[in-house]
Amino acid sequence: MPAIAAGARANHSAFYWHLGDLRKTYAIDEDFAAERRYRGAGYAPTMTDYTHLAASDFVEHQVRPFGDMPFFVGIGNHETIAPASRLQFRVTMRELLDRPELRNQRLRDGIPADALRQDALPPTYYHWRIRGVEFIYLDNATDDAFDDDQMQWFGEILRRALADRAVKALVVGMHEALPHSLGDDHSMCASKRGIASGELVYRQLAQARDAGKHVYVLASHSHFYLANVFETPYWQQAGPGVLPGWIIGTAGAERYPLPAGVAPGPDARSRVYGYLQATVSADGTIDFRFQELARGDLASHLSPDLDPEILDVCVDANPPASAPARSRPPVPCD
C-alpha cells in the first residue's frame, strides 16, 4: 500500500478507493508479525494483540502513506469474520466513512443534519460525486448480497443520477463481483440471494447506460487483476448485454490463480501487485489501466517499521505453498 500511495501521488490522483479486505482477520497478517516492535523485542504477537490492533495498524501503515489524498474505504468479507463485524467496521473506520465528501453528499441527498450528529455511525454503502462522475460503493460483504434497504437506496441514487444532465458517468464499486462474471467461483454467485440482487443491480446499471450514462463496475474479492469480467456467454446473450467491469484485488492480500479457462495476458494477471488507475475525460468516458508494482517499488517504499525480509514473503511466498481451502463451494450462476 505505501508503494501504491507513491504511485497515486506521482500520478496526481484525485483520491484512492479501497474496495475491502483491509486485513486477513482470521489469522495474523505477515507484515503485522514482521513489525520491528515484535521482532526487536523477540516477541511474537498473539491473536489477542492482532485483534486489538489490526484496524489501527491498517490506518497507520496503509492509509497514512497517502497523506492528504482523500482515501475512501469499502467493507469486504474479511471485515465481517468474527470477532470482526460490520458494526465494528463502522466504528473503527468511522472517520473514513464520514469523510467530508460523503457527509456533504448525504446532506445534499436530504438526510437531516441531526441524523448525521457526532455520535451517529455512518452506513457502509455511500456515494459521492466529483467532476460529473457519480462514485457509488455497495456493500455485499455478508450473505454475498445487497440487502433490501440498500437496494432501495441504490435505486433512488440511480434515479437522481439519470435525471441530472451534469452526471456523465457512474462508477460502481463493491467487494464481490456481480453475478455471471469471469470470476464466478468467488463472487455473488455464492448465494441465491446474491445472484438475485446482483442481477438486479446489473440490469439497473445497464438501463443507466442505455439512458446515455457511461457505466463502469469494479470489484476486488478475488485477489488478481482481470479486465472485461462481464464478457461472458450469459451477459453476451442476455438482454442487457456486456458492461465494462474489472476485478482488482492486488494490493497485498494472498494472491489467487486466475479463473479456470482464463489465459494470462495484459488484461489477466495473477501473482502480481498493483492498482487500477482511472483517467476521466470531459465527456465522462474513463480509461482504466493496471499499474504493476515490481519488487523494487515495494522495497523503495517499505515502512521503516518492517524488516526488509518481509519482501521475501510478499514476493516469493505469496501465495503460500499450501493455501487454505475456500469456505464453501459456489452456487452455479447459470
Protein backbone atom coordinates (compact mmCIF):
# COMPACT_ATOMS: atom_id res chain seq x y z
CA MET A 1 0.00 0.00 0.00
CA PRO A 2 2.82 2.52 0.60
CA ALA A 3 4.05 1.77 -2.94
CA ILE A 4 0.52 2.27 -4.28
CA ALA A 5 0.33 5.56 -2.40
CA ALA A 6 3.59 6.70 -4.01
CA GLY A 7 2.26 5.80 -7.45
CA ALA A 8 -1.02 7.58 -6.81
CA ARG A 9 0.79 10.72 -5.67
CA ALA A 10 3.12 10.62 -8.68
CA ASN A 11 0.06 10.37 -10.94
CA HIS A 12 -1.58 13.33 -9.11
CA SER A 13 -4.61 11.15 -8.38
CA ALA A 14 -7.71 12.89 -7.05
CA PHE A 15 -8.32 10.12 -4.49
CA TYR A 16 -7.74 6.45 -3.68
CA TRP A 17 -10.56 3.91 -3.32
CA HIS A 18 -10.11 0.66 -1.36
CA LEU A 19 -12.74 -1.99 -2.12
CA GLY A 20 -12.46 -4.09 1.03
CA ASP A 21 -10.41 -6.79 2.80
CA LEU A 22 -8.30 -4.47 4.90
CA ARG A 23 -6.74 -7.27 6.92
CA LYS A 24 -6.72 -11.07 6.95
CA THR A 25 -8.67 -11.08 10.27
CA TYR A 26 -8.88 -14.87 10.70
CA ALA A 27 -5.08 -15.05 11.20
CA ILE A 28 -2.19 -12.66 11.83
CA ASP A 29 -1.03 -10.79 8.74
CA GLU A 30 2.58 -11.45 7.74
CA ASP A 31 3.51 -7.78 7.80
CA PHE A 32 1.94 -7.30 11.23
CA ALA A 33 4.02 -10.18 12.62
CA ALA A 34 7.16 -8.72 11.00
CA GLU A 35 6.90 -5.31 12.65
CA ARG A 36 10.03 -4.30 14.49
CA ARG A 37 8.15 -3.72 17.75
CA TYR A 38 7.75 -7.50 17.91
CA ARG A 39 10.90 -8.68 16.16
CA GLY A 40 13.10 -6.29 18.17
CA ALA A 41 11.60 -7.47 21.42
CA GLY A 42 11.82 -11.13 20.44
CA TYR A 43 8.08 -11.39 20.94
CA ALA A 44 5.61 -13.00 18.58
CA PRO A 45 2.27 -11.17 18.58
CA THR A 46 -0.75 -13.16 19.69
CA MET A 47 -4.19 -13.18 18.11
CA THR A 48 -5.32 -11.01 21.02
CA ASP A 49 -2.69 -8.42 20.11
CA TYR A 50 -3.71 -8.62 16.48
CA THR A 51 -7.45 -8.37 17.13
CA HIS A 52 -6.99 -5.23 19.23
CA LEU A 53 -4.57 -3.52 16.86
CA ALA A 54 -5.42 -4.66 13.31
CA ALA A 55 -7.70 -1.70 12.49
CA SER A 56 -5.39 0.99 13.87
CA ASP A 57 -2.44 -0.75 12.21
CA PHE A 58 -4.27 -0.57 8.87
CA VAL A 59 -4.72 3.19 9.29
CA GLU A 60 -1.10 3.67 10.35
CA HIS A 61 0.58 1.61 7.63
CA GLN A 62 -1.90 1.62 4.75
CA VAL A 63 -3.91 4.85 4.95
CA ARG A 64 -1.35 7.29 6.35
CA PRO A 65 1.09 6.90 3.40
CA PHE A 66 -1.50 8.63 1.21
CA GLY A 67 -1.08 11.81 3.22
CA ASP A 68 -3.78 14.39 2.47
CA MET A 69 -5.07 12.49 -0.58
CA PRO A 70 -8.72 11.54 0.01
CA PHE A 71 -8.96 7.85 0.93
CA PHE A 72 -12.31 6.08 0.54
CA VAL A 73 -12.78 2.67 2.10
CA GLY A 74 -15.22 -0.16 1.41
CA ILE A 75 -16.13 -3.12 3.56
CA GLY A 76 -15.09 -6.62 2.48
CA ASN A 77 -15.97 -10.06 3.76
CA HIS A 78 -12.79 -10.18 5.89
CA GLU A 79 -14.16 -7.22 7.86
CA THR A 80 -17.04 -9.48 8.95
CA ILE A 81 -15.07 -12.55 10.09
CA ALA A 82 -15.51 -12.99 13.86
CA PRO A 83 -14.55 -11.33 16.08
CA ALA A 84 -14.80 -8.55 13.46
CA SER A 85 -18.25 -7.41 12.33
CA ARG A 86 -19.99 -4.83 10.20
CA LEU A 87 -20.72 -2.81 13.34
CA GLN A 88 -17.07 -2.89 14.36
CA PHE A 89 -16.08 -1.74 10.86
CA ARG A 90 -18.47 1.20 11.14
CA VAL A 91 -16.86 2.13 14.47
CA THR A 92 -13.19 1.66 13.59
CA MET A 93 -13.46 3.13 10.08
CA ARG A 94 -15.90 5.85 11.09
CA GLU A 95 -13.60 8.72 10.15
CA LEU A 96 -13.14 7.37 6.62
CA LEU A 97 -16.82 6.50 6.21
CA ASP A 98 -17.69 10.03 7.28
CA ARG A 99 -15.24 11.90 5.10
CA PRO A 100 -16.38 15.47 4.25
CA GLU A 101 -17.22 14.42 0.68
CA LEU A 102 -19.54 11.69 1.94
CA ARG A 103 -21.09 13.75 4.73
CA ASN A 104 -21.77 16.68 2.39
CA GLN A 105 -23.29 14.31 -0.17
CA ARG A 106 -25.64 12.91 2.48
CA LEU A 107 -26.75 16.44 3.31
CA ARG A 108 -27.38 17.12 -0.40
CA ASP A 109 -29.36 13.90 -0.52
CA GLY A 110 -31.72 15.36 2.06
CA ILE A 111 -30.61 13.43 5.14
CA PRO A 112 -31.39 15.67 8.14
CA ALA A 113 -28.35 17.16 9.83
CA ASP A 114 -29.40 15.74 13.21
CA ALA A 115 -29.20 12.25 11.69
CA LEU A 116 -25.54 12.97 10.98
CA ARG A 117 -24.77 14.01 14.55
CA GLN A 118 -21.37 13.32 16.03
CA ASP A 119 -22.36 10.06 17.73
CA ALA A 120 -24.11 8.54 14.69
CA LEU A 121 -22.37 5.76 12.78
CA PRO A 122 -22.26 6.23 9.00
CA PRO A 123 -23.50 3.38 6.78
CA THR A 124 -21.19 1.03 4.89
CA TYR A 125 -22.63 1.99 1.49
CA TYR A 126 -22.26 5.52 0.16
CA HIS A 127 -21.79 7.71 -2.88
CA TRP A 128 -20.17 10.98 -3.83
CA ARG A 129 -19.78 13.00 -6.97
CA ILE A 130 -16.72 14.65 -8.47
CA ARG A 131 -16.35 16.32 -11.88
CA GLY A 132 -19.52 14.83 -13.31
CA VAL A 133 -18.80 11.26 -12.16
CA GLU A 134 -21.01 9.53 -9.61
CA PHE A 135 -19.00 7.10 -7.47
CA ILE A 136 -21.11 4.53 -5.60
CA TYR A 137 -19.97 1.89 -3.11
CA LEU A 138 -22.28 -1.06 -2.50
CA ASP A 139 -21.92 -3.41 0.48
CA ASN A 140 -22.14 -7.13 -0.31
CA ALA A 141 -19.74 -8.25 2.42
CA THR A 142 -22.17 -10.65 4.12
CA ASP A 143 -24.60 -13.17 2.66
CA ASP A 144 -22.93 -12.26 -0.65
CA ALA A 145 -25.91 -10.00 -1.36
CA PHE A 146 -27.28 -6.45 -1.24
CA ASP A 147 -29.96 -6.08 1.41
CA ASP A 148 -33.38 -4.54 0.77
CA ASP A 149 -32.66 -1.16 2.39
CA GLN A 150 -29.52 -0.77 0.31
CA MET A 151 -31.34 -1.74 -2.89
CA GLN A 152 -33.97 0.90 -2.22
CA TRP A 153 -31.23 3.48 -1.58
CA PHE A 154 -29.37 2.46 -4.73
CA GLY A 155 -32.50 2.77 -6.85
CA GLU A 156 -33.04 6.33 -5.61
CA ILE A 157 -29.41 7.30 -6.25
CA LEU A 158 -29.69 5.97 -9.81
CA ARG A 159 -32.97 7.79 -10.37
CA ARG A 160 -31.41 11.11 -9.36
CA ALA A 161 -28.28 10.50 -11.41
CA LEU A 162 -30.30 9.70 -14.53
CA ALA A 163 -32.30 12.89 -14.10
CA ASP A 164 -29.17 15.03 -13.73
CA ARG A 165 -27.53 16.03 -17.01
CA ALA A 166 -24.40 17.02 -15.09
CA VAL A 167 -23.74 13.34 -14.32
CA LYS A 168 -21.76 11.91 -17.22
CA ALA A 169 -20.68 8.60 -15.72
CA LEU A 170 -21.34 6.11 -12.95
CA VAL A 171 -18.55 4.10 -11.34
CA VAL A 172 -19.93 1.44 -9.03
CA GLY A 173 -17.53 -0.32 -6.67
CA MET A 174 -18.21 -3.29 -4.42
CA HIS A 175 -16.31 -6.14 -2.83
CA GLU A 176 -17.72 -9.20 -4.59
CA ALA A 177 -18.20 -9.16 -8.34
CA LEU A 178 -21.73 -9.12 -9.74
CA PRO A 179 -23.05 -12.48 -10.98
CA HIS A 180 -22.20 -14.15 -14.30
CA SER A 181 -18.69 -12.73 -14.50
CA LEU A 182 -15.42 -14.45 -15.34
CA GLY A 183 -14.83 -14.59 -11.58
CA ASP A 184 -17.97 -16.55 -10.71
CA ASP A 185 -16.14 -19.03 -8.48
CA HIS A 186 -15.59 -16.23 -5.94
CA SER A 187 -18.44 -13.78 -6.37
CA MET A 188 -22.09 -13.03 -5.60
CA CYS A 189 -22.83 -16.43 -7.12
CA ALA A 190 -22.07 -17.92 -3.70
CA SER A 191 -25.72 -17.45 -2.66
CA LYS A 192 -29.06 -17.46 -4.42
CA ARG A 193 -29.94 -14.13 -2.79
CA GLY A 194 -26.66 -12.76 -4.07
CA ILE A 195 -27.46 -13.87 -7.60
CA ALA A 196 -30.90 -12.26 -7.49
CA SER A 197 -29.82 -8.91 -6.01
CA GLY A 198 -26.67 -8.80 -8.12
CA GLU A 199 -28.58 -9.43 -11.35
CA LEU A 200 -30.97 -6.63 -10.46
CA VAL A 201 -28.12 -4.17 -9.88
CA TYR A 202 -26.53 -5.18 -13.19
CA ARG A 203 -29.77 -4.65 -15.10
CA GLN A 204 -30.33 -1.28 -13.43
CA LEU A 205 -26.84 -0.20 -14.44
CA ALA A 206 -27.46 -1.38 -17.98
CA GLN A 207 -30.57 0.81 -18.07
CA ALA A 208 -28.43 3.76 -16.97
CA ARG A 209 -26.01 3.00 -19.81
CA ASP A 210 -28.88 2.81 -22.28
CA ALA A 211 -30.08 6.19 -21.00
CA GLY A 212 -26.78 7.75 -22.05
CA LYS A 213 -24.59 7.44 -18.95
CA HIS A 214 -21.15 5.84 -19.07
CA VAL A 215 -21.15 2.92 -16.61
CA TYR A 216 -18.19 1.08 -15.07
CA VAL A 217 -18.23 -1.70 -12.45
CA LEU A 218 -15.37 -2.55 -10.07
CA ALA A 219 -14.85 -5.38 -7.55
CA SER A 220 -11.94 -6.80 -5.55
CA HIS A 221 -12.94 -10.03 -3.78
CA SER A 222 -10.70 -12.21 -5.99
CA HIS A 223 -7.03 -11.40 -5.46
CA PHE A 224 -5.89 -10.99 -9.05
CA TYR A 225 -6.32 -8.45 -11.85
CA LEU A 226 -8.91 -9.19 -14.51
CA ALA A 227 -10.49 -6.84 -17.06
CA ASN A 228 -13.63 -7.31 -19.18
CA VAL A 229 -15.11 -9.56 -16.50
CA PHE A 230 -18.64 -9.45 -17.93
CA GLU A 231 -17.55 -10.66 -21.37
CA THR A 232 -19.27 -13.95 -20.64
CA PRO A 233 -21.81 -16.02 -22.64
CA TYR A 234 -24.52 -15.16 -20.11
CA TRP A 235 -24.31 -11.37 -20.47
CA GLN A 236 -23.42 -11.55 -24.16
CA GLN A 237 -26.69 -13.36 -24.76
CA ALA A 238 -28.84 -11.69 -22.12
CA GLY A 239 -30.87 -8.62 -22.97
CA PRO A 240 -28.73 -6.01 -21.13
CA GLY A 241 -25.52 -7.04 -22.86
CA VAL A 242 -21.99 -6.50 -21.53
CA LEU A 243 -20.95 -3.75 -19.10
CA PRO A 244 -17.32 -2.68 -18.63
CA GLY A 245 -16.06 -4.40 -15.50
CA TRP A 246 -12.84 -5.14 -13.59
CA ILE A 247 -11.73 -7.28 -10.66
CA ILE A 248 -8.77 -5.65 -8.94
CA GLY A 249 -7.52 -7.37 -5.76
CA THR A 250 -3.76 -6.88 -5.95
CA ALA A 251 -2.99 -4.51 -3.06
CA GLY A 252 -1.31 -7.01 -0.75
CA ALA A 253 -3.62 -9.92 0.07
CA GLU A 254 -2.91 -13.58 -0.66
CA ARG A 255 -2.69 -13.82 -4.43
CA TYR A 256 -5.07 -16.13 -6.28
CA PRO A 257 -4.62 -18.01 -9.56
CA LEU A 258 -6.73 -16.83 -12.49
CA PRO A 259 -10.12 -18.48 -13.02
CA ALA A 260 -10.16 -21.71 -15.00
CA GLY A 261 -10.13 -21.04 -18.73
CA VAL A 262 -8.71 -17.50 -18.42
CA ALA A 263 -5.29 -17.15 -20.05
CA PRO A 264 -2.69 -14.77 -18.58
CA GLY A 265 -2.15 -11.57 -20.53
CA PRO A 266 -2.32 -7.77 -20.25
CA ASP A 267 -5.94 -7.98 -19.06
CA ALA A 268 -5.48 -11.01 -16.81
CA ARG A 269 -2.70 -11.02 -14.23
CA SER A 270 -2.10 -13.24 -11.20
CA ARG A 271 0.71 -13.24 -8.65
CA VAL A 272 1.25 -9.52 -9.12
CA TYR A 273 0.83 -6.40 -7.03
CA GLY A 274 -0.58 -3.19 -8.40
CA TYR A 275 -3.51 -0.82 -8.67
CA LEU A 276 -6.03 0.37 -11.21
CA GLN A 277 -5.56 3.93 -12.42
CA ALA A 278 -8.57 5.74 -13.89
CA THR A 279 -8.37 8.78 -16.15
CA VAL A 280 -11.61 10.66 -16.77
CA SER A 281 -12.29 12.57 -19.99
CA ALA A 282 -14.56 15.59 -20.25
CA ASP A 283 -17.34 13.53 -21.86
CA GLY A 284 -17.40 11.08 -18.95
CA THR A 285 -15.51 8.24 -20.62
CA ILE A 286 -12.95 6.68 -18.30
CA ASP A 287 -9.73 4.90 -19.23
CA PHE A 288 -8.73 2.23 -16.67
CA ARG A 289 -5.16 0.93 -16.70
CA PHE A 290 -3.43 -1.55 -14.43
CA GLN A 291 -0.21 -0.26 -12.85
CA GLU A 292 2.00 -3.14 -11.76
CA LEU A 293 4.38 -2.79 -8.82
CA ALA A 294 7.71 -4.59 -9.02
CA ARG A 295 9.82 -5.77 -6.10
CA GLY A 296 11.90 -2.60 -6.39
CA ASP A 297 8.78 -0.46 -5.92
CA LEU A 298 7.90 -2.35 -2.75
CA ALA A 299 11.47 -2.05 -1.45
CA SER A 300 11.66 1.68 -2.17
CA HIS A 301 8.57 2.38 -0.10
CA LEU A 302 8.91 -0.23 2.62
CA SER A 303 7.77 1.06 6.01
CA PRO A 304 10.64 1.62 8.45
CA ASP A 305 8.55 -0.37 10.92
CA LEU A 306 9.15 -3.55 8.90
CA ASP A 307 12.18 -5.78 8.48
CA PRO A 308 13.29 -5.96 4.81
CA GLU A 309 12.94 -9.76 4.87
CA ILE A 310 9.18 -9.27 4.64
CA LEU A 311 9.77 -8.67 0.93
CA ASP A 312 10.77 -12.32 0.54
CA VAL A 313 7.42 -13.32 1.99
CA CYS A 314 5.47 -10.85 -0.16
CA VAL A 315 7.19 -11.59 -3.46
CA ASP A 316 8.43 -15.17 -3.26
CA ALA A 317 5.97 -16.84 -0.86
CA ASN A 318 2.66 -15.30 -1.89
CA PRO A 319 0.61 -17.36 -2.35
CA PRO A 320 1.96 -19.72 0.31
CA ALA A 321 2.73 -23.30 -0.64
CA SER A 322 -0.48 -24.52 0.99
CA ALA A 323 -3.34 -22.03 0.78
CA PRO A 324 -6.48 -22.70 2.87
CA ALA A 325 -9.48 -24.11 1.06
CA ARG A 326 -12.41 -21.82 0.31
CA SER A 327 -15.10 -21.93 2.96
CA ARG A 328 -17.89 -23.18 0.69
CA PRO A 329 -18.41 -24.20 -2.93
CA PRO A 330 -20.01 -21.63 -5.23
CA VAL A 331 -23.65 -21.81 -6.24
CA PRO A 332 -23.76 -22.13 -10.05
CA CYS A 333 -24.96 -18.88 -11.57
CA ASP A 334 -26.19 -20.42 -14.81
